[in-house]
Protein backbone atom coordinates (compact mmCIF):
# COMPACT_ATOMS: atom_id res chain seq x y z
CA UNK A 1 -29.39 27.80 6.75
CA UNK A 2 -31.46 25.79 4.17
CA UNK A 3 -32.63 22.09 5.55
CA UNK A 4 -30.49 20.37 3.03
CA UNK A 5 -27.31 22.45 3.09
CA UNK A 6 -24.52 20.05 2.28
CA UNK A 7 -26.14 17.14 1.44
CA UNK A 8 -25.85 15.62 -2.07
CA UNK A 9 -28.82 14.23 -4.13
CA UNK A 10 -28.96 12.02 -7.15
CA UNK A 11 -32.59 12.00 -8.98
CA UNK A 12 -32.91 10.02 -11.68
CA UNK A 13 -35.14 10.60 -14.78
CA UNK A 14 -34.44 14.50 -13.70
CA UNK A 15 -34.02 16.17 -17.22
CA UNK A 16 -38.14 16.68 -17.29
CA UNK A 17 -41.15 16.58 -15.83
CA UNK A 18 -41.60 15.43 -11.85
CA UNK A 19 -37.88 14.57 -11.64
CA UNK A 20 -36.85 18.17 -13.02
CA UNK A 21 -39.42 19.36 -10.35
CA UNK A 22 -37.98 17.11 -7.64
CA UNK A 23 -34.23 18.00 -8.46
CA UNK A 24 -35.26 21.70 -8.26
CA UNK A 25 -36.93 21.85 -5.36
CA UNK A 26 -33.90 20.04 -3.61
CA UNK A 27 -31.20 22.38 -5.06
CA UNK A 28 -33.28 25.45 -3.44
CA UNK A 29 -33.51 23.76 -0.12
CA UNK A 30 -29.19 23.68 -0.40
CA UNK A 31 -28.55 19.99 -2.04
CA UNK A 32 -26.30 19.38 -4.52
CA UNK A 33 -27.98 17.46 -7.17
CA UNK A 34 -27.13 15.32 -9.81
CA UNK A 35 -29.38 15.37 -12.30
CA UNK A 36 -29.41 11.61 -13.89
CA UNK A 37 -31.17 10.71 -16.85
CA UNK A 38 -30.46 8.89 -20.16
CA UNK A 39 -31.00 12.30 -22.15
CA UNK A 40 -27.63 13.88 -21.15
CA UNK A 41 -27.92 17.11 -23.18
CA UNK A 42 -31.26 17.65 -21.12
CA UNK A 43 -29.67 16.62 -18.01
CA UNK A 44 -26.75 19.05 -18.54
CA UNK A 45 -29.53 21.68 -19.42
CA UNK A 46 -31.28 21.27 -16.26
CA UNK A 47 -28.15 21.20 -14.15
CA UNK A 48 -27.45 24.86 -16.00
CA UNK A 49 -30.75 26.36 -14.92
CA UNK A 50 -30.18 25.19 -11.31
CA UNK A 51 -26.87 26.78 -11.06
CA UNK A 52 -28.00 29.75 -12.70
CA UNK A 53 -30.75 30.33 -9.86
CA UNK A 54 -27.45 29.60 -7.64
CA UNK A 55 -27.37 26.03 -6.71
CA UNK A 56 -25.21 23.58 -7.31
CA UNK A 57 -25.68 20.96 -10.00
CA UNK A 58 -24.23 18.40 -12.54
CA UNK A 59 -25.65 16.56 -15.55
CA UNK A 60 -24.99 12.78 -15.39
CA UNK A 61 -25.57 10.09 -18.38
CA UNK A 62 -27.59 7.10 -16.91
CA UNK A 63 -29.74 4.65 -18.46
CA UNK A 64 -30.99 2.96 -15.28
CA UNK A 65 -31.02 -0.22 -16.85
CA UNK A 66 -27.39 -0.77 -17.49
CA UNK A 67 -25.40 -1.87 -14.27
CA UNK A 68 -21.92 -0.71 -15.44
CA UNK A 69 -23.42 2.77 -16.49
CA UNK A 70 -25.31 3.37 -13.17
CA UNK A 71 -22.57 2.31 -11.05
CA UNK A 72 -20.10 4.52 -13.22
CA UNK A 73 -22.72 7.74 -12.61
CA UNK A 74 -23.37 7.07 -9.14
CA UNK A 75 -19.72 7.09 -8.21
CA UNK A 76 -18.81 9.95 -10.58
CA UNK A 77 -21.40 12.16 -8.16
CA UNK A 78 -19.47 10.67 -5.14
CA UNK A 79 -16.25 11.86 -6.69
CA UNK A 80 -17.58 15.31 -7.79
CA UNK A 81 -19.72 16.22 -4.71
CA UNK A 82 -18.11 13.85 -1.87
CA UNK A 83 -20.61 11.65 -1.08
CA UNK A 84 -24.18 10.32 -2.00
CA UNK A 85 -26.90 11.24 0.87
CA UNK A 86 -30.41 11.17 -1.14
CA UNK A 87 -31.11 9.18 -3.86
CA UNK A 88 -34.49 9.85 -5.77
CA UNK A 89 -34.99 6.73 -7.90
CA UNK A 90 -37.98 8.53 -10.58
CA UNK A 91 -36.94 7.28 -13.86
CA UNK A 92 -40.13 5.66 -15.36
CA UNK A 93 -41.67 5.26 -18.76
CA UNK A 94 -45.33 4.22 -19.58
CA UNK A 95 -46.55 1.63 -22.45
CA UNK A 96 -50.25 1.08 -22.75
CA UNK A 97 -51.83 -1.86 -24.24
CA UNK A 98 -54.65 -4.55 -23.17
CA UNK A 99 -52.68 -7.74 -21.85
CA UNK A 100 -53.36 -9.52 -25.03
CA UNK A 101 -51.81 -7.26 -27.07
CA UNK A 102 -48.97 -6.31 -25.01
CA UNK A 103 -45.34 -7.23 -26.79
CA UNK A 104 -43.23 -9.31 -24.77
CA UNK A 105 -40.21 -6.72 -25.29
CA UNK A 106 -42.41 -3.83 -23.94
CA UNK A 107 -43.27 -5.85 -20.80
CA UNK A 108 -39.41 -6.46 -20.20
CA UNK A 109 -38.88 -2.88 -20.71
CA UNK A 110 -41.08 -1.85 -18.37
CA UNK A 111 -39.84 -4.05 -15.68
CA UNK A 112 -36.36 -2.98 -16.47
CA UNK A 113 -36.64 0.55 -16.10
CA UNK A 114 -39.08 0.63 -13.04
CA UNK A 115 -37.95 -2.50 -11.18
CA UNK A 116 -34.36 -3.18 -12.46
CA UNK A 117 -33.56 1.02 -12.13
CA UNK A 118 -34.56 0.72 -8.88
CA UNK A 119 -32.26 -1.93 -7.65
CA UNK A 120 -29.15 -0.92 -9.45
CA UNK A 121 -29.55 2.80 -8.22
CA UNK A 122 -30.10 1.68 -4.89
CA UNK A 123 -27.30 -0.60 -4.74
CA UNK A 124 -24.95 2.04 -6.34
CA UNK A 125 -26.29 4.76 -3.72
CA UNK A 126 -26.44 2.70 -0.40
CA UNK A 127 -22.58 1.71 -0.86
CA UNK A 128 -21.68 5.70 -0.52
CA UNK A 129 -24.29 5.97 2.22
CA UNK A 130 -22.54 3.28 4.45
CA UNK A 131 -19.22 4.71 4.15
CA UNK A 132 -18.18 6.37 7.62
CA UNK A 133 -21.46 5.46 9.19
CA UNK A 134 -22.90 8.62 6.80
CA UNK A 135 -26.66 7.32 6.59
CA UNK A 136 -28.79 8.66 3.70
CA UNK A 137 -32.10 8.58 2.33
CA UNK A 138 -33.79 6.51 -0.55
CA UNK A 139 -36.80 7.69 -2.03
CA UNK A 140 -38.82 5.79 -4.43
CA UNK A 141 -41.36 7.44 -6.72
CA UNK A 142 -44.33 5.38 -6.73
CA UNK A 143 -47.69 5.20 -7.88
CA UNK A 144 -51.54 4.53 -7.17
CA UNK A 145 -51.24 1.63 -8.87
CA UNK A 146 -49.05 -0.28 -6.62
CA UNK A 147 -52.49 -0.51 -4.85
CA UNK A 148 -55.06 -0.24 -7.69
CA UNK A 149 -54.90 -2.18 -11.00
CA UNK A 150 -55.52 -0.68 -14.42
CA UNK A 151 -56.85 -2.28 -17.45
CA UNK A 152 -54.61 -1.40 -19.96
CA UNK A 153 -51.44 -1.14 -17.37
CA UNK A 154 -50.65 -4.70 -16.87
CA UNK A 155 -46.91 -4.24 -16.60
CA UNK A 156 -46.77 -0.64 -14.71
CA UNK A 157 -49.02 -2.20 -12.12
CA UNK A 158 -46.80 -5.16 -11.56
CA UNK A 159 -43.46 -2.92 -11.61
CA UNK A 160 -45.09 -0.50 -8.93
CA UNK A 161 -46.31 -3.37 -6.97
CA UNK A 162 -43.01 -5.13 -7.14
CA UNK A 163 -41.14 -1.64 -6.36
CA UNK A 164 -42.95 -1.69 -3.14
CA UNK A 165 -41.73 -5.21 -1.96
CA UNK A 166 -38.05 -3.38 -3.07
CA UNK A 167 -39.03 -0.38 -0.58
CA UNK A 168 -40.19 -2.88 1.83
CA UNK A 169 -37.13 -5.36 1.96
CA UNK A 170 -34.66 -2.39 1.56
CA UNK A 171 -36.65 -0.55 4.58
CA UNK A 172 -36.32 -3.80 6.76
CA UNK A 173 -32.70 -4.26 5.90
CA UNK A 174 -32.18 -0.93 7.48
CA UNK A 175 -34.61 -0.95 10.29
CA UNK A 176 -31.62 -0.92 12.96
CA UNK A 177 -31.12 2.78 11.87
CA UNK A 178 -34.68 3.21 13.23
CA UNK A 179 -35.69 4.57 9.78
CA UNK A 180 -38.90 5.40 8.57
CA UNK A 181 -40.21 3.57 5.70
CA UNK A 182 -42.89 5.06 2.84
CA UNK A 183 -43.47 4.77 -0.38
CA UNK A 184 -43.94 8.00 -2.79
CA UNK A 185 -47.43 8.29 -4.41
CA UNK A 186 -47.15 11.10 -6.92
CA UNK A 187 -49.29 12.95 -8.99
CA UNK A 188 -48.99 12.74 -12.56
CA UNK A 189 -46.93 15.32 -14.41
CA UNK A 190 -49.16 15.33 -17.30
CA UNK A 191 -52.36 15.41 -15.46
CA UNK A 192 -51.58 17.46 -12.02
CA UNK A 193 -48.93 20.00 -10.72
CA UNK A 194 -45.81 18.73 -9.44
CA UNK A 195 -45.94 20.47 -6.53
CA UNK A 196 -47.22 17.57 -4.12
CA UNK A 197 -44.17 15.43 -5.40
CA UNK A 198 -41.75 18.36 -4.35
CA UNK A 199 -43.20 19.00 -0.90
CA UNK A 200 -43.51 15.34 -0.06
CA UNK A 201 -39.90 14.99 -1.39
CA UNK A 202 -38.46 18.03 0.57
CA UNK A 203 -40.29 16.67 3.58
CA UNK A 204 -38.97 12.86 3.29
CA UNK A 205 -35.43 14.39 2.36
CA UNK A 206 -34.86 16.64 5.43
CA UNK A 207 -37.45 16.04 7.90
CA UNK A 208 -35.29 13.36 10.08
CA UNK A 209 -32.52 14.22 12.09
CA UNK A 210 -29.32 13.17 10.00
CA UNK A 211 -27.34 13.19 13.11
CA UNK A 212 -29.34 9.93 13.69
CA UNK A 213 -28.90 8.32 10.44
CA UNK A 214 -26.08 5.69 10.59
CA UNK A 215 -27.28 3.77 7.34
CA UNK A 216 -29.77 4.28 4.67
CA UNK A 217 -33.05 5.21 5.31
CA UNK A 218 -35.90 4.31 2.70
CA UNK A 219 -39.35 5.63 1.80
């Protein structure tokens, strides 16, 4: 039996890049996977690819900055597959400019996608993880910029640092489940292989004995 057989995963921003690779990896490990992305056609295409290889997957339209859409999408996944066991909060964008040229609208968009998106998807998913004491795993795709500044990425660095704080707060909230807490610092899909991202996600999603999880576990 594969390590994630019987589990249900939601991966945001999974229609391309690192998110797609993570979703494919989780499916290979036996999880039913929801390809959550703002581009529904592309999400459905990835789901068909996974199904063609013998996996279980569906595409879900999801703008992670839209509260109602996130709640509706997560609920739809739970209705389709019966539960939510794994959330990979991966959706992200990049807008690069020196701070004196950074448009306020772009600043707000960056924080909305990375930070609001992490909050909204986490809140929606853990409501299902709590049901019946099922437990689960939340994984946040992060960056070295949660520790290291960049002269042209003020909004992105800010979002990464604040996402770290969200992760830490959730980990403390769920600490009674004896969960471990780690951030995910992944390689860039444009410059490096996503193999390391997939291996790390697979390990974080499957390494802890599921019978010990009665509340969500945050990485």
